[in-house]
Amino acid sequence: MTDLKNKIRENLKTVYDPELNINVVDLGLIYDIDIPEPRTAKVLMTLTTPGCPLHDSIVSGIKYCVMGMEEIDHANVHLTWEPAWTPDMMTEDGKRMLQGS
C-alpha cells in the first residue's frame, strides 16, 4: 500500500498550481493519500488560500492525474482548510522553485 501511495504522490508532481508554477506536492498542498479499498484513492488536500481562483482547475487536475494511473479506478479528492496552508509546508524543492521564480 505504501508503494502505491508513494507512486500517487510522485504522479501528483505533474499537477501544477498555474499561478505559482510549482507542483502541488512540493507546494505542500497534499496532506494525505489513503487507499481505503482496492483501486480507490482518497487525497486530502488544501489550497494556498480559501479564495483561490483556480480551485476547480487544481482539484480536477489532481483527480484526473490519480485516475489516470492503471492501479486506480476511483479517486476522491477532499479539500480541507485545517490546518491552513503556510509557506512552511512547502518542500525544500518547492521553496527553491519559489525563490527562483
PDB file of N, CA and C in Angstrom:
ATOM      1  N   MET A   1       0.821  -1.193   0.000  1.00  0.00           N
ATOM      2  CA  MET A   1       0.000   0.000   0.000  1.00  0.00           C
ATOM      3  C   MET A   1       0.867   1.260   0.000  1.00  0.00           C
ATOM      4  N   THR A   2       1.928   1.229   0.802  1.00  0.00           N
ATOM      5  CA  THR A   2       2.812   2.398   0.865  1.00  0.00           C
ATOM      6  C   THR A   2       3.443   2.682  -0.486  1.00  0.00           C
ATOM      7  N   ASP A   3       3.781   1.635  -1.230  1.00  0.00           N
ATOM      8  CA  ASP A   3       4.363   1.836  -2.557  1.00  0.00           C
ATOM      9  C   ASP A   3       3.388   2.563  -3.472  1.00  0.00           C
ATOM     10  N   LEU A   4       2.114   2.186  -3.418  1.00  0.00           N
ATOM     11  CA  LEU A   4       1.107   2.830  -4.257  1.00  0.00           C
ATOM     12  C   LEU A   4       0.908   4.284  -3.834  1.00  0.00           C
ATOM     13  N   LYS A   5       0.891   4.543  -2.534  1.00  0.00           N
ATOM     14  CA  LYS A   5       0.762   5.925  -2.053  1.00  0.00           C
ATOM     15  C   LYS A   5       1.937   6.772  -2.537  1.00  0.00           C
ATOM     16  N   ASN A   6       3.130   6.203  -2.475  1.00  0.00           N
ATOM     17  CA  ASN A   6       4.318   6.919  -2.957  1.00  0.00           C
ATOM     18  C   ASN A   6       4.236   7.159  -4.459  1.00  0.00           C
ATOM     19  N   LYS A   7       3.733   6.175  -5.191  1.00  0.00           N
ATOM     20  CA  LYS A   7       3.595   6.328  -6.643  1.00  0.00           C
ATOM     21  C   LYS A   7       2.575   7.435  -6.958  1.00  0.00           C
ATOM     22  N   ILE A   8       1.481   7.461  -6.222  1.00  0.00           N
ATOM     23  CA  ILE A   8       0.482   8.521  -6.410  1.00  0.00           C
ATOM     24  C   ILE A   8       1.112   9.877  -6.126  1.00  0.00           C
ATOM     25  N   ARG A   9       1.839   9.977  -5.018  1.00  0.00           N
ATOM     26  CA  ARG A   9       2.492  11.245  -4.663  1.00  0.00           C
ATOM     27  C   ARG A   9       3.454  11.689  -5.767  1.00  0.00           C
ATOM     28  N   GLU A  10       4.214  10.755  -6.321  1.00  0.00           N
ATOM     29  CA  GLU A  10       5.133  11.096  -7.414  1.00  0.00           C
ATOM     30  C   GLU A  10       4.366  11.568  -8.643  1.00  0.00           C
ATOM     31  N   ASN A  11       3.275  10.880  -8.975  1.00  0.00           N
ATOM     32  CA  ASN A  11       2.466  11.285 -10.131  1.00  0.00           C
ATOM     33  C   ASN A  11       1.866  12.666  -9.925  1.00  0.00           C
ATOM     34  N   LEU A  12       1.511  13.004  -8.695  1.00  0.00           N
ATOM     35  CA  LEU A  12       0.917  14.312  -8.417  1.00  0.00           C
ATOM     36  C   LEU A  12       1.911  15.458  -8.629  1.00  0.00           C
ATOM     37  N   LYS A  13       3.185  15.122  -8.739  1.00  0.00           N
ATOM     38  CA  LYS A  13       4.172  16.163  -9.029  1.00  0.00           C
ATOM     39  C   LYS A  13       4.024  16.698 -10.455  1.00  0.00           C
ATOM     40  N   THR A  14       3.138  16.089 -11.244  1.00  0.00           N
ATOM     41  CA  THR A  14       2.876  16.594 -12.595  1.00  0.00           C
ATOM     42  C   THR A  14       1.723  17.599 -12.610  1.00  0.00           C
ATOM     43  N   VAL A  15       1.077  17.803 -11.448  1.00  0.00           N
ATOM     44  CA  VAL A  15      -0.040  18.755 -11.343  1.00  0.00           C
ATOM     45  C   VAL A  15       0.504  20.041 -10.735  1.00  0.00           C
ATOM     46  N   TYR A  16       0.367  21.126 -11.463  1.00  0.00           N
ATOM     47  CA  TYR A  16       0.954  22.403 -11.041  1.00  0.00           C
ATOM     48  C   TYR A  16      -0.100  23.422 -10.656  1.00  0.00           C
ATOM     49  N   ASP A  17       0.241  24.242  -9.673  1.00  0.00           N
ATOM     50  CA  ASP A  17      -0.538  25.441  -9.383  1.00  0.00           C
ATOM     51  C   ASP A  17      -0.184  26.409 -10.506  1.00  0.00           C
ATOM     52  N   PRO A  18      -1.143  26.774 -11.353  1.00  0.00           N
ATOM     53  CA  PRO A  18      -0.827  27.599 -12.522  1.00  0.00           C
ATOM     54  C   PRO A  18      -0.294  28.994 -12.185  1.00  0.00           C
ATOM     55  N   GLU A  19      -0.672  29.514 -11.035  1.00  0.00           N
ATOM     56  CA  GLU A  19      -0.204  30.854 -10.665  1.00  0.00           C
ATOM     57  C   GLU A  19       1.241  30.849 -10.197  1.00  0.00           C
ATOM     58  N   LEU A  20       1.606  29.841  -9.414  1.00  0.00           N
ATOM     59  CA  LEU A  20       2.960  29.785  -8.856  1.00  0.00           C
ATOM     60  C   LEU A  20       3.908  28.927  -9.691  1.00  0.00           C
ATOM     61  N   ASN A  21       3.345  28.103 -10.574  1.00  0.00           N
ATOM     62  CA  ASN A  21       4.125  27.195 -11.410  1.00  0.00           C
ATOM     63  C   ASN A  21       5.009  26.261 -10.576  1.00  0.00           C
ATOM     64  N   ILE A  22       4.419  25.773  -9.490  1.00  0.00           N
ATOM     65  CA  ILE A  22       5.057  24.783  -8.611  1.00  0.00           C
ATOM     66  C   ILE A  22       4.070  23.637  -8.464  1.00  0.00           C
ATOM     67  N   ASN A  23       4.560  22.398  -8.479  1.00  0.00           N
ATOM     68  CA  ASN A  23       3.634  21.271  -8.374  1.00  0.00           C
ATOM     69  C   ASN A  23       3.007  21.206  -6.980  1.00  0.00           C
ATOM     70  N   VAL A  24       1.844  20.551  -6.917  1.00  0.00           N
ATOM     71  CA  VAL A  24       1.047  20.535  -5.691  1.00  0.00           C
ATOM     72  C   VAL A  24       1.737  19.798  -4.542  1.00  0.00           C
ATOM     73  N   VAL A  25       2.613  18.866  -4.859  1.00  0.00           N
ATOM     74  CA  VAL A  25       3.332  18.131  -3.808  1.00  0.00           C
ATOM     75  C   VAL A  25       4.387  19.040  -3.179  1.00  0.00           C
ATOM     76  N   ASP A  26       5.239  19.636  -4.016  1.00  0.00           N
ATOM     77  CA  ASP A  26       6.294  20.499  -3.478  1.00  0.00           C
ATOM     78  C   ASP A  26       5.736  21.788  -2.873  1.00  0.00           C
ATOM     79  N   LEU A  27       4.546  22.168  -3.311  1.00  0.00           N
ATOM     80  CA  LEU A  27       3.899  23.336  -2.731  1.00  0.00           C
ATOM     81  C   LEU A  27       3.340  23.030  -1.342  1.00  0.00           C
ATOM     82  N   GLY A  28       3.207  21.743  -1.022  1.00  0.00           N
ATOM     83  CA  GLY A  28       2.716  21.339   0.299  1.00  0.00           C
ATOM     84  C   GLY A  28       1.203  21.292   0.387  1.00  0.00           C
ATOM     85  N   LEU A  29       0.532  21.153  -0.746  1.00  0.00           N
ATOM     86  CA  LEU A  29      -0.929  21.139  -0.752  1.00  0.00           C
ATOM     87  C   LEU A  29      -1.523  19.765  -0.475  1.00  0.00           C
ATOM     88  N   ILE A  30      -0.735  18.710  -0.611  1.00  0.00           N
ATOM     89  CA  ILE A  30      -1.237  17.351  -0.393  1.00  0.00           C
ATOM     90  C   ILE A  30      -0.974  16.962   1.061  1.00  0.00           C
ATOM     91  N   TYR A  31      -2.049  16.832   1.828  1.00  0.00           N
ATOM     92  CA  TYR A  31      -1.917  16.491   3.242  1.00  0.00           C
ATOM     93  C   TYR A  31      -1.860  14.993   3.486  1.00  0.00           C
ATOM     94  N   ASP A  32      -2.649  14.213   2.714  1.00  0.00           N
ATOM     95  CA  ASP A  32      -2.677  12.770   2.966  1.00  0.00           C
ATOM     96  C   ASP A  32      -3.174  12.043   1.717  1.00  0.00           C
ATOM     97  N   ILE A  33      -2.685  10.835   1.546  1.00  0.00           N
ATOM     98  CA  ILE A  33      -3.155   9.940   0.493  1.00  0.00           C
ATOM     99  C   ILE A  33      -3.511   8.630   1.171  1.00  0.00           C
ATOM    100  N   ASP A  34      -4.718   8.147   0.896  1.00  0.00           N
ATOM    101  CA  ASP A  34      -5.171   6.902   1.515  1.00  0.00           C
ATOM    102  C   ASP A  34      -5.723   5.985   0.424  1.00  0.00           C
ATOM    103  N   ILE A  35      -5.640   4.704   0.671  1.00  0.00           N
ATOM    104  CA  ILE A  35      -6.205   3.692  -0.222  1.00  0.00           C
ATOM    105  C   ILE A  35      -7.249   2.942   0.615  1.00  0.00           C
ATOM    106  N   PRO A  36      -8.478   3.477   0.715  1.00  0.00           N
ATOM    107  CA  PRO A  36      -9.475   2.875   1.603  1.00  0.00           C
ATOM    108  C   PRO A  36      -9.979   1.515   1.130  1.00  0.00           C
ATOM    109  N   GLU A  37      -9.888   1.253  -0.159  1.00  0.00           N
ATOM    110  CA  GLU A  37     -10.263  -0.047  -0.708  1.00  0.00           C
ATOM    111  C   GLU A  37      -9.501  -0.234  -2.013  1.00  0.00           C
ATOM    112  N   PRO A  38      -9.431  -1.456  -2.503  1.00  0.00           N
ATOM    113  CA  PRO A  38      -8.661  -1.691  -3.731  1.00  0.00           C
ATOM    114  C   PRO A  38      -9.117  -0.788  -4.881  1.00  0.00           C
ATOM    115  N   ARG A  39      -8.141  -0.264  -5.605  1.00  0.00           N
ATOM    116  CA  ARG A  39      -8.348   0.527  -6.808  1.00  0.00           C
ATOM    117  C   ARG A  39      -9.028   1.877  -6.546  1.00  0.00           C
ATOM    118  N   THR A  40      -9.028   2.300  -5.281  1.00  0.00           N
ATOM    119  CA  THR A  40      -9.627   3.584  -4.900  1.00  0.00           C
ATOM    120  C   THR A  40      -8.617   4.388  -4.101  1.00  0.00           C
ATOM    121  N   ALA A  41      -8.464   5.646  -4.482  1.00  0.00           N
ATOM    122  CA  ALA A  41      -7.553   6.541  -3.758  1.00  0.00           C
ATOM    123  C   ALA A  41      -8.341   7.713  -3.197  1.00  0.00           C
ATOM    124  N   LYS A  42      -7.938   8.131  -2.025  1.00  0.00           N
ATOM    125  CA  LYS A  42      -8.532   9.306  -1.377  1.00  0.00           C
ATOM    126  C   LYS A  42      -7.386  10.284  -1.116  1.00  0.00           C
ATOM    127  N   VAL A  43      -7.530  11.490  -1.622  1.00  0.00           N
ATOM    128  CA  VAL A  43      -6.500  12.513  -1.456  1.00  0.00           C
ATOM    129  C   VAL A  43      -7.089  13.647  -0.615  1.00  0.00           C
ATOM    130  N   LEU A  44      -6.401  13.964   0.480  1.00  0.00           N
ATOM    131  CA  LEU A  44      -6.782  15.096   1.321  1.00  0.00           C
ATOM    132  C   LEU A  44      -5.814  16.219   1.004  1.00  0.00           C
ATOM    133  N   MET A  45      -6.375  17.364   0.638  1.00  0.00           N
ATOM    134  CA  MET A  45      -5.522  18.463   0.193  1.00  0.00           C
ATOM    135  C   MET A  45      -6.073  19.802   0.658  1.00  0.00           C
ATOM    136  N   THR A  46      -5.281  20.828   0.427  1.00  0.00           N
ATOM    137  CA  THR A  46      -5.700  22.187   0.687  1.00  0.00           C
ATOM    138  C   THR A  46      -5.278  23.050  -0.491  1.00  0.00           C
ATOM    139  N   LEU A  47      -5.547  24.317  -0.409  1.00  0.00           N
ATOM    140  CA  LEU A  47      -5.091  25.291  -1.387  1.00  0.00           C
ATOM    141  C   LEU A  47      -4.374  26.395  -0.632  1.00  0.00           C
ATOM    142  N   THR A  48      -3.641  27.228  -1.352  1.00  0.00           N
ATOM    143  CA  THR A  48      -2.872  28.279  -0.675  1.00  0.00           C
ATOM    144  C   THR A  48      -3.772  29.300  -0.002  1.00  0.00           C
ATOM    145  N   THR A  49      -4.961  29.554  -0.573  1.00  0.00           N
ATOM    146  CA  THR A  49      -5.930  30.472   0.041  1.00  0.00           C
ATOM    147  C   THR A  49      -7.335  29.946  -0.213  1.00  0.00           C
ATOM    148  N   PRO A  50      -8.274  30.201   0.719  1.00  0.00           N
ATOM    149  CA  PRO A  50      -9.659  29.747   0.507  1.00  0.00           C
ATOM    150  C   PRO A  50     -10.297  30.348  -0.754  1.00  0.00           C
ATOM    151  N   GLY A  51      -9.885  31.536  -1.151  1.00  0.00           N
ATOM    152  CA  GLY A  51     -10.466  32.170  -2.324  1.00  0.00           C
ATOM    153  C   GLY A  51      -9.694  31.914  -3.598  1.00  0.00           C
ATOM    154  N   CYS A  52      -8.922  30.857  -3.636  1.00  0.00           N
ATOM    155  CA  CYS A  52      -8.085  30.565  -4.805  1.00  0.00           C
ATOM    156  C   CYS A  52      -8.944  30.521  -6.070  1.00  0.00           C
ATOM    157  N   PRO A  53      -8.648  31.383  -7.044  1.00  0.00           N
ATOM    158  CA  PRO A  53      -9.467  31.420  -8.259  1.00  0.00           C
ATOM    159  C   PRO A  53      -9.329  30.180  -9.134  1.00  0.00           C
ATOM    160  N   LEU A  54      -8.289  29.395  -8.915  1.00  0.00           N
ATOM    161  CA  LEU A  54      -8.058  28.204  -9.736  1.00  0.00           C
ATOM    162  C   LEU A  54      -8.430  26.916  -9.005  1.00  0.00           C
ATOM    163  N   HIS A  55      -9.265  27.046  -7.994  1.00  0.00           N
ATOM    164  CA  HIS A  55      -9.715  25.932  -7.156  1.00  0.00           C
ATOM    165  C   HIS A  55     -10.140  24.731  -8.000  1.00  0.00           C
ATOM    166  N   ASP A  56     -11.098  24.930  -8.907  1.00  0.00           N
ATOM    167  CA  ASP A  56     -11.631  23.817  -9.695  1.00  0.00           C
ATOM    168  C   ASP A  56     -10.564  23.195 -10.586  1.00  0.00           C
ATOM    169  N   SER A  57      -9.728  24.016 -11.159  1.00  0.00           N
ATOM    170  CA  SER A  57      -8.684  23.534 -12.056  1.00  0.00           C
ATOM    171  C   SER A  57      -7.692  22.630 -11.326  1.00  0.00           C
ATOM    172  N   ILE A  58      -7.264  23.048 -10.146  1.00  0.00           N
ATOM    173  CA  ILE A  58      -6.280  22.276  -9.383  1.00  0.00           C
ATOM    174  C   ILE A  58      -6.894  20.973  -8.869  1.00  0.00           C
ATOM    175  N   VAL A  59      -8.098  21.050  -8.281  1.00  0.00           N
ATOM    176  CA  VAL A  59      -8.751  19.856  -7.749  1.00  0.00           C
ATOM    177  C   VAL A  59      -9.024  18.854  -8.874  1.00  0.00           C
ATOM    178  N   SER A  60      -9.522  19.337 -10.014  1.00  0.00           N
ATOM    179  CA  SER A  60      -9.774  18.448 -11.151  1.00  0.00           C
ATOM    180  C   SER A  60      -8.478  17.836 -11.663  1.00  0.00           C
ATOM    181  N   GLY A  61      -7.412  18.614 -11.722  1.00  0.00           N
ATOM    182  CA  GLY A  61      -6.121  18.103 -12.172  1.00  0.00           C
ATOM    183  C   GLY A  61      -5.632  16.969 -11.296  1.00  0.00           C
ATOM    184  N   ILE A  62      -5.816  17.114  -9.989  1.00  0.00           N
ATOM    185  CA  ILE A  62      -5.406  16.067  -9.045  1.00  0.00           C
ATOM    186  C   ILE A  62      -6.241  14.807  -9.268  1.00  0.00           C
ATOM    187  N   LYS A  63      -7.554  14.981  -9.379  1.00  0.00           N
ATOM    188  CA  LYS A  63      -8.432  13.822  -9.566  1.00  0.00           C
ATOM    189  C   LYS A  63      -8.081  13.076 -10.856  1.00  0.00           C
ATOM    190  N   TYR A  64      -7.929  13.781 -11.956  1.00  0.00           N
ATOM    191  CA  TYR A  64      -7.646  13.122 -13.232  1.00  0.00           C
ATOM    192  C   TYR A  64      -6.243  12.533 -13.279  1.00  0.00           C
ATOM    193  N   CYS A  65      -5.313  13.143 -12.602  1.00  0.00           N
ATOM    194  CA  CYS A  65      -3.959  12.593 -12.524  1.00  0.00           C
ATOM    195  C   CYS A  65      -3.989  11.228 -11.840  1.00  0.00           C
ATOM    196  N   VAL A  66      -4.679  11.154 -10.704  1.00  0.00           N
ATOM    197  CA  VAL A  66      -4.740   9.896  -9.948  1.00  0.00           C
ATOM    198  C   VAL A  66      -5.541   8.847 -10.719  1.00  0.00           C
ATOM    199  N   MET A  67      -6.664   9.255 -11.301  1.00  0.00           N
ATOM    200  CA  MET A  67      -7.494   8.294 -12.032  1.00  0.00           C
ATOM    201  C   MET A  67      -6.816   7.814 -13.313  1.00  0.00           C
ATOM    202  N   GLY A  68      -5.809   8.524 -13.781  1.00  0.00           N
ATOM    203  CA  GLY A  68      -5.069   8.114 -14.960  1.00  0.00           C
ATOM    204  C   GLY A  68      -4.083   6.990 -14.704  1.00  0.00           C
ATOM    205  N   MET A  69      -3.914   6.654 -13.435  1.00  0.00           N
ATOM    206  CA  MET A  69      -2.997   5.572 -13.086  1.00  0.00           C
ATOM    207  C   MET A  69      -3.684   4.225 -13.298  1.00  0.00           C
ATOM    208  N   GLU A  70      -2.937   3.243 -13.811  1.00  0.00           N
ATOM    209  CA  GLU A  70      -3.560   1.949 -14.111  1.00  0.00           C
ATOM    210  C   GLU A  70      -4.033   1.215 -12.853  1.00  0.00           C
ATOM    211  N   GLU A  71      -3.462   1.545 -11.689  1.00  0.00           N
ATOM    212  CA  GLU A  71      -3.846   0.859 -10.443  1.00  0.00           C
ATOM    213  C   GLU A  71      -5.113   1.443  -9.808  1.00  0.00           C
ATOM    214  N   ILE A  72      -5.601   2.564 -10.330  1.00  0.00           N
ATOM    215  CA  ILE A  72      -6.704   3.286  -9.687  1.00  0.00           C
ATOM    216  C   ILE A  72      -7.896   3.412 -10.629  1.00  0.00           C
ATOM    217  N   ASP A  73      -9.082   3.082 -10.122  1.00  0.00           N
ATOM    218  CA  ASP A  73     -10.330   3.260 -10.876  1.00  0.00           C
ATOM    219  C   ASP A  73     -11.137   4.444 -10.352  1.00  0.00           C
ATOM    220  N   HIS A  74     -10.997   4.745  -9.071  1.00  0.00           N
ATOM    221  CA  HIS A  74     -11.778   5.819  -8.449  1.00  0.00           C
ATOM    222  C   HIS A  74     -10.845   6.697  -7.621  1.00  0.00           C
ATOM    223  N   ALA A  75     -11.053   8.002  -7.738  1.00  0.00           N
ATOM    224  CA  ALA A  75     -10.265   8.945  -6.933  1.00  0.00           C
ATOM    225  C   ALA A  75     -11.206   9.956  -6.303  1.00  0.00           C
ATOM    226  N   ASN A  76     -11.084  10.102  -5.011  1.00  0.00           N
ATOM    227  CA  ASN A  76     -11.862  11.084  -4.267  1.00  0.00           C
ATOM    228  C   ASN A  76     -10.895  12.138  -3.741  1.00  0.00           C
ATOM    229  N   VAL A  77     -11.166  13.392  -4.071  1.00  0.00           N
ATOM    230  CA  VAL A  77     -10.322  14.487  -3.616  1.00  0.00           C
ATOM    231  C   VAL A  77     -11.127  15.308  -2.620  1.00  0.00           C
ATOM    232  N   HIS A  78     -10.603  15.402  -1.417  1.00  0.00           N
ATOM    233  CA  HIS A  78     -11.275  16.150  -0.353  1.00  0.00           C
ATOM    234  C   HIS A  78     -10.446  17.379  -0.016  1.00  0.00           C
ATOM    235  N   LEU A  79     -11.110  18.507   0.011  1.00  0.00           N
ATOM    236  CA  LEU A  79     -10.460  19.783   0.287  1.00  0.00           C
ATOM    237  C   LEU A  79     -10.688  20.151   1.747  1.00  0.00           C
ATOM    238  N   THR A  80      -9.631  20.554   2.424  1.00  0.00           N
ATOM    239  CA  THR A  80      -9.748  20.980   3.811  1.00  0.00           C
ATOM    240  C   THR A  80      -9.010  22.304   3.989  1.00  0.00           C
ATOM    241  N   TRP A  81      -9.417  23.056   4.997  1.00  0.00           N
ATOM    242  CA  TRP A  81      -8.733  24.316   5.317  1.00  0.00           C
ATOM    243  C   TRP A  81      -8.028  24.213   6.667  1.00  0.00           C
ATOM    244  N   GLU A  82      -8.040  23.016   7.258  1.00  0.00           N
ATOM    245  CA  GLU A  82      -7.403  22.807   8.558  1.00  0.00           C
ATOM    246  C   GLU A  82      -6.365  21.706   8.444  1.00  0.00           C
ATOM    247  N   PRO A  83      -5.133  21.935   8.744  1.00  0.00           N
ATOM    248  CA  PRO A  83      -4.599  23.244   9.096  1.00  0.00           C
ATOM    249  C   PRO A  83      -4.467  24.132   7.853  1.00  0.00           C
ATOM    250  N   ALA A  84      -4.520  25.410   8.091  1.00  0.00           N
ATOM    251  CA  ALA A  84      -4.369  26.358   6.993  1.00  0.00           C
ATOM    252  C   ALA A  84      -2.971  26.236   6.398  1.00  0.00           C
ATOM    253  N   TRP A  85      -2.897  26.366   5.072  1.00  0.00           N
ATOM    254  CA  TRP A  85      -1.611  26.277   4.385  1.00  0.00           C
ATOM    255  C   TRP A  85      -0.736  27.470   4.743  1.00  0.00           C
ATOM    256  N   THR A  86       0.550  27.210   4.918  1.00  0.00           N
ATOM    257  CA  THR A  86       1.554  28.262   5.078  1.00  0.00           C
ATOM    258  C   THR A  86       2.760  27.874   4.226  1.00  0.00           C
ATOM    259  N   PRO A  87       3.602  28.835   3.867  1.00  0.00           N
ATOM    260  CA  PRO A  87       4.797  28.501   3.082  1.00  0.00           C
ATOM    261  C   PRO A  87       5.714  27.480   3.762  1.00  0.00           C
ATOM    262  N   ASP A  88       5.608  27.331   5.076  1.00  0.00           N
ATOM    263  CA  ASP A  88       6.420  26.344   5.790  1.00  0.00           C
ATOM    264  C   ASP A  88       6.100  24.908   5.368  1.00  0.00           C
ATOM    265  N   MET A  89       4.933  24.708   4.760  1.00  0.00           N
ATOM    266  CA  MET A  89       4.523  23.362   4.343  1.00  0.00           C
ATOM    267  C   MET A  89       5.184  22.933   3.041  1.00  0.00           C
ATOM    268  N   MET A  90       5.842  23.847   2.369  1.00  0.00           N
ATOM    269  CA  MET A  90       6.498  23.530   1.104  1.00  0.00           C
ATOM    270  C   MET A  90       7.717  22.653   1.346  1.00  0.00           C
ATOM    271  N   THR A  91       8.015  21.805   0.380  1.00  0.00           N
ATOM    272  CA  THR A  91       9.244  21.020   0.460  1.00  0.00           C
ATOM    273  C   THR A  91      10.424  21.954   0.183  1.00  0.00           C
ATOM    274  N   GLU A  92      11.612  21.473   0.444  1.00  0.00           N
ATOM    275  CA  GLU A  92      12.798  22.283   0.143  1.00  0.00           C
ATOM    276  C   GLU A  92      12.871  22.583  -1.353  1.00  0.00           C
ATOM    277  N   ASP A  93      12.509  21.591  -2.177  1.00  0.00           N
ATOM    278  CA  ASP A  93      12.481  21.816  -3.629  1.00  0.00           C
ATOM    279  C   ASP A  93      11.488  22.917  -3.983  1.00  0.00           C
ATOM    280  N   GLY A  94      10.310  22.873  -3.358  1.00  0.00           N
ATOM    281  CA  GLY A  94       9.303  23.898  -3.611  1.00  0.00           C
ATOM    282  C   GLY A  94       9.780  25.287  -3.226  1.00  0.00           C
ATOM    283  N   LYS A  95      10.455  25.370  -2.098  1.00  0.00           N
ATOM    284  CA  LYS A  95      10.975  26.683  -1.654  1.00  0.00           C
ATOM    285  C   LYS A  95      12.017  27.207  -2.635  1.00  0.00           C
ATOM    286  N   ARG A  96      12.853  26.301  -3.144  1.00  0.00           N
ATOM    287  CA  ARG A  96      13.859  26.719  -4.140  1.00  0.00           C
ATOM    288  C   ARG A  96      13.186  27.196  -5.421  1.00  0.00           C
ATOM    289  N   MET A  97      12.126  26.472  -5.841  1.00  0.00           N
ATOM    290  CA  MET A  97      11.404  26.867  -7.052  1.00  0.00           C
ATOM    291  C   MET A  97      10.772  28.246  -6.893  1.00  0.00           C
ATOM    292  N   LEU A  98      10.222  28.507  -5.713  1.00  0.00           N
ATOM    293  CA  LEU A  98       9.585  29.792  -5.462  1.00  0.00           C
ATOM    294  C   LEU A  98      10.617  30.917  -5.464  1.00  0.00           C
ATOM    295  N   GLN A  99      11.770  30.659  -4.895  1.00  0.00           N
ATOM    296  CA  GLN A  99      12.820  31.677  -4.878  1.00  0.00           C
ATOM    297  C   GLN A  99      13.372  31.928  -6.275  1.00  0.00           C
ATOM    298  N   GLY A 100      13.344  30.899  -7.119  1.00  0.00           N
ATOM    299  CA  GLY A 100      13.874  31.039  -8.464  1.00  0.00           C
ATOM    300  C   GLY A 100      12.917  31.730  -9.424  1.00  0.00           C
ATOM    301  N   SER A 101      11.652  31.867  -9.011  1.00  0.00           N
ATOM    302  CA  SER A 101      10.681  32.481  -9.923  1.00  0.00           C
ATOM    303  C   SER A 101      10.560  33.969  -9.712  1.00  0.00           C
TER     304      SER A 101
END
